[in-house]
């Protein structure tokens, strides 16, 4: 689970993140962190739509190599 400090750093810096949900790369969500609570994170996608995702997924900068589950 991603920490509060990491989420806050991504939000403040406006870092584009990749959310890895499974082994299929096309299922990744790309966007910026907008908000979060104890169970979920709100990501704003490039299309300006927002999605609410579980904090149990892998959150990493887009510039980093993709993690495998």
N, C-alpha and C. Protein backbone atom coordinates (compact mmCIF):
# COMPACT_ATOMS: atom_id res chain seq x y z
N UNK A 1 0.85 -1.18 0.00
CA UNK A 1 0.00 0.00 0.00
C UNK A 1 0.89 1.24 0.00
N UNK A 2 0.53 2.22 -0.80
CA UNK A 2 1.31 3.44 -0.91
C UNK A 2 1.10 4.31 0.33
N UNK A 3 2.15 5.00 0.73
CA UNK A 3 2.09 5.81 1.96
C UNK A 3 1.53 7.19 1.69
N UNK A 4 1.10 7.83 2.77
CA UNK A 4 0.59 9.21 2.70
C UNK A 4 1.65 10.16 2.16
N UNK A 5 2.90 9.97 2.59
CA UNK A 5 3.98 10.85 2.17
C UNK A 5 4.24 10.75 0.67
N UNK A 6 4.21 9.52 0.12
CA UNK A 6 4.42 9.35 -1.32
C UNK A 6 3.29 9.99 -2.11
N UNK A 7 2.05 9.77 -1.68
CA UNK A 7 0.91 10.37 -2.37
C UNK A 7 0.99 11.89 -2.33
N UNK A 8 1.34 12.44 -1.17
CA UNK A 8 1.43 13.89 -1.03
C UNK A 8 2.54 14.45 -1.91
N UNK A 9 3.66 13.76 -2.01
CA UNK A 9 4.75 14.20 -2.87
C UNK A 9 4.31 14.18 -4.34
N UNK A 10 3.65 13.12 -4.78
CA UNK A 10 3.16 13.05 -6.16
C UNK A 10 2.16 14.17 -6.44
N UNK A 11 1.28 14.47 -5.48
CA UNK A 11 0.27 15.51 -5.67
C UNK A 11 0.90 16.89 -5.75
N UNK A 12 1.78 17.21 -4.83
CA UNK A 12 2.40 18.53 -4.78
C UNK A 12 3.25 18.79 -6.02
N UNK A 13 4.03 17.79 -6.44
CA UNK A 13 4.92 17.96 -7.59
C UNK A 13 4.19 17.78 -8.92
N UNK A 14 2.95 17.28 -8.89
CA UNK A 14 2.21 17.04 -10.12
C UNK A 14 2.81 15.94 -10.96
N UNK A 15 3.42 14.96 -10.31
CA UNK A 15 4.10 13.86 -10.98
C UNK A 15 3.10 12.95 -11.67
N UNK A 16 3.24 12.72 -12.97
CA UNK A 16 2.38 11.73 -13.64
C UNK A 16 2.69 10.34 -13.09
N UNK A 17 1.65 9.62 -12.71
CA UNK A 17 1.84 8.29 -12.14
C UNK A 17 1.19 7.21 -13.00
N UNK A 18 1.69 6.01 -12.84
CA UNK A 18 1.12 4.82 -13.48
C UNK A 18 0.57 3.96 -12.35
N UNK A 19 -0.66 3.50 -12.51
CA UNK A 19 -1.28 2.61 -11.54
C UNK A 19 -1.33 1.23 -12.18
N UNK A 20 -0.53 0.30 -11.63
CA UNK A 20 -0.45 -1.06 -12.15
C UNK A 20 -1.47 -1.90 -11.40
N UNK A 21 -2.48 -2.36 -12.13
CA UNK A 21 -3.56 -3.13 -11.50
C UNK A 21 -3.43 -4.63 -11.71
N UNK A 22 -2.78 -5.03 -12.81
CA UNK A 22 -2.58 -6.45 -13.10
C UNK A 22 -1.41 -6.58 -14.08
N UNK A 23 -1.18 -7.76 -14.60
CA UNK A 23 -0.05 -8.00 -15.50
C UNK A 23 -0.25 -7.46 -16.91
N UNK A 24 -1.45 -7.02 -17.25
CA UNK A 24 -1.74 -6.52 -18.59
C UNK A 24 -1.48 -5.01 -18.62
N UNK A 25 -0.49 -4.61 -19.41
CA UNK A 25 -0.05 -3.22 -19.44
C UNK A 25 -1.15 -2.27 -19.93
N UNK A 26 -2.01 -2.73 -20.81
CA UNK A 26 -3.08 -1.86 -21.33
C UNK A 26 -4.14 -1.54 -20.26
N UNK A 27 -4.13 -2.25 -19.14
CA UNK A 27 -5.06 -1.97 -18.05
C UNK A 27 -4.52 -0.94 -17.06
N UNK A 28 -3.30 -0.46 -17.27
CA UNK A 28 -2.73 0.55 -16.38
C UNK A 28 -3.49 1.86 -16.52
N UNK A 29 -3.55 2.61 -15.43
CA UNK A 29 -4.17 3.93 -15.43
C UNK A 29 -3.06 4.95 -15.31
N UNK A 30 -3.03 5.93 -16.21
CA UNK A 30 -2.03 7.00 -16.19
C UNK A 30 -2.72 8.30 -15.84
N UNK A 31 -2.11 9.08 -14.95
CA UNK A 31 -2.69 10.36 -14.58
C UNK A 31 -1.95 10.97 -13.41
N UNK A 32 -2.58 11.96 -12.78
CA UNK A 32 -1.97 12.62 -11.62
C UNK A 32 -2.85 12.40 -10.39
N UNK A 33 -2.22 12.39 -9.24
CA UNK A 33 -2.93 12.18 -7.97
C UNK A 33 -3.66 13.47 -7.61
N UNK A 34 -4.95 13.33 -7.32
CA UNK A 34 -5.77 14.48 -6.95
C UNK A 34 -6.11 14.45 -5.46
N UNK A 35 -6.53 13.29 -4.98
CA UNK A 35 -6.93 13.17 -3.57
C UNK A 35 -6.86 11.70 -3.16
N UNK A 36 -6.98 11.46 -1.86
CA UNK A 36 -6.97 10.09 -1.34
C UNK A 36 -7.58 10.06 0.04
N UNK A 37 -7.97 8.85 0.44
CA UNK A 37 -8.41 8.60 1.80
C UNK A 37 -7.79 7.28 2.25
N UNK A 38 -8.29 6.68 3.29
CA UNK A 38 -7.67 5.47 3.84
C UNK A 38 -7.75 4.28 2.89
N UNK A 39 -8.75 4.24 2.02
CA UNK A 39 -8.96 3.07 1.17
C UNK A 39 -8.74 3.31 -0.32
N UNK A 40 -8.77 4.57 -0.78
CA UNK A 40 -8.75 4.81 -2.22
C UNK A 40 -7.95 6.06 -2.58
N UNK A 41 -7.64 6.16 -3.88
CA UNK A 41 -6.91 7.30 -4.44
C UNK A 41 -7.68 7.78 -5.66
N UNK A 42 -7.81 9.10 -5.80
CA UNK A 42 -8.47 9.68 -6.97
C UNK A 42 -7.38 10.14 -7.93
N UNK A 43 -7.46 9.63 -9.17
CA UNK A 43 -6.49 9.96 -10.22
C UNK A 43 -7.20 10.72 -11.33
N UNK A 44 -6.61 11.84 -11.78
CA UNK A 44 -7.16 12.57 -12.93
C UNK A 44 -6.39 12.12 -14.17
N UNK A 45 -7.12 11.53 -15.10
CA UNK A 45 -6.51 11.06 -16.33
C UNK A 45 -6.29 12.22 -17.29
N UNK A 46 -5.54 11.98 -18.36
CA UNK A 46 -5.24 13.01 -19.35
C UNK A 46 -6.52 13.58 -19.97
N UNK A 47 -7.56 12.75 -20.07
CA UNK A 47 -8.85 13.18 -20.64
C UNK A 47 -9.66 14.03 -19.66
N UNK A 48 -9.09 14.33 -18.50
CA UNK A 48 -9.70 15.10 -17.42
C UNK A 48 -10.77 14.34 -16.65
N UNK A 49 -10.97 13.09 -16.99
CA UNK A 49 -11.88 12.25 -16.20
C UNK A 49 -11.14 11.81 -14.95
N UNK A 50 -11.89 11.60 -13.88
CA UNK A 50 -11.27 11.12 -12.65
C UNK A 50 -11.74 9.70 -12.36
N UNK A 51 -10.84 8.92 -11.80
CA UNK A 51 -11.16 7.54 -11.41
C UNK A 51 -10.74 7.34 -9.97
N UNK A 52 -11.51 6.55 -9.27
CA UNK A 52 -11.22 6.24 -7.87
C UNK A 52 -10.71 4.81 -7.82
N UNK A 53 -9.47 4.64 -7.36
CA UNK A 53 -8.82 3.33 -7.36
C UNK A 53 -8.40 2.94 -5.95
N UNK A 54 -8.25 1.65 -5.74
CA UNK A 54 -7.83 1.12 -4.45
C UNK A 54 -6.38 1.50 -4.16
N UNK A 55 -6.06 1.72 -2.91
CA UNK A 55 -4.69 2.02 -2.52
C UNK A 55 -3.81 0.78 -2.54
N UNK A 56 -4.40 -0.39 -2.71
CA UNK A 56 -3.61 -1.62 -2.73
C UNK A 56 -2.87 -1.83 -4.05
N UNK A 57 -3.21 -1.06 -5.09
CA UNK A 57 -2.51 -1.18 -6.37
C UNK A 57 -1.11 -0.56 -6.26
N UNK A 58 -0.29 -0.78 -7.29
CA UNK A 58 1.07 -0.24 -7.33
C UNK A 58 1.01 1.14 -7.99
N UNK A 59 1.50 2.16 -7.29
CA UNK A 59 1.57 3.53 -7.80
C UNK A 59 3.03 3.87 -8.01
N UNK A 60 3.39 4.27 -9.23
CA UNK A 60 4.78 4.59 -9.54
C UNK A 60 4.82 5.70 -10.58
N UNK A 61 5.91 6.48 -10.60
CA UNK A 61 6.03 7.52 -11.63
C UNK A 61 6.05 6.90 -13.03
N UNK A 62 5.49 7.61 -13.99
CA UNK A 62 5.46 7.12 -15.37
C UNK A 62 6.87 6.93 -15.91
N UNK A 63 7.81 7.74 -15.45
CA UNK A 63 9.19 7.68 -15.95
C UNK A 63 9.93 6.44 -15.46
N UNK A 64 9.46 5.80 -14.41
CA UNK A 64 10.11 4.59 -13.88
C UNK A 64 9.72 3.39 -14.72
N UNK A 65 10.58 2.35 -14.76
CA UNK A 65 10.18 1.12 -15.47
C UNK A 65 8.94 0.51 -14.82
N UNK A 66 8.10 -0.10 -15.64
CA UNK A 66 6.86 -0.69 -15.14
C UNK A 66 7.14 -1.88 -14.23
N UNK A 67 6.49 -1.90 -13.08
CA UNK A 67 6.62 -3.02 -12.14
C UNK A 67 5.74 -4.17 -12.59
N UNK A 68 6.16 -5.37 -12.26
CA UNK A 68 5.37 -6.57 -12.54
C UNK A 68 4.73 -7.05 -11.25
N UNK A 69 3.55 -7.60 -11.38
CA UNK A 69 2.85 -8.13 -10.20
C UNK A 69 3.17 -9.61 -10.06
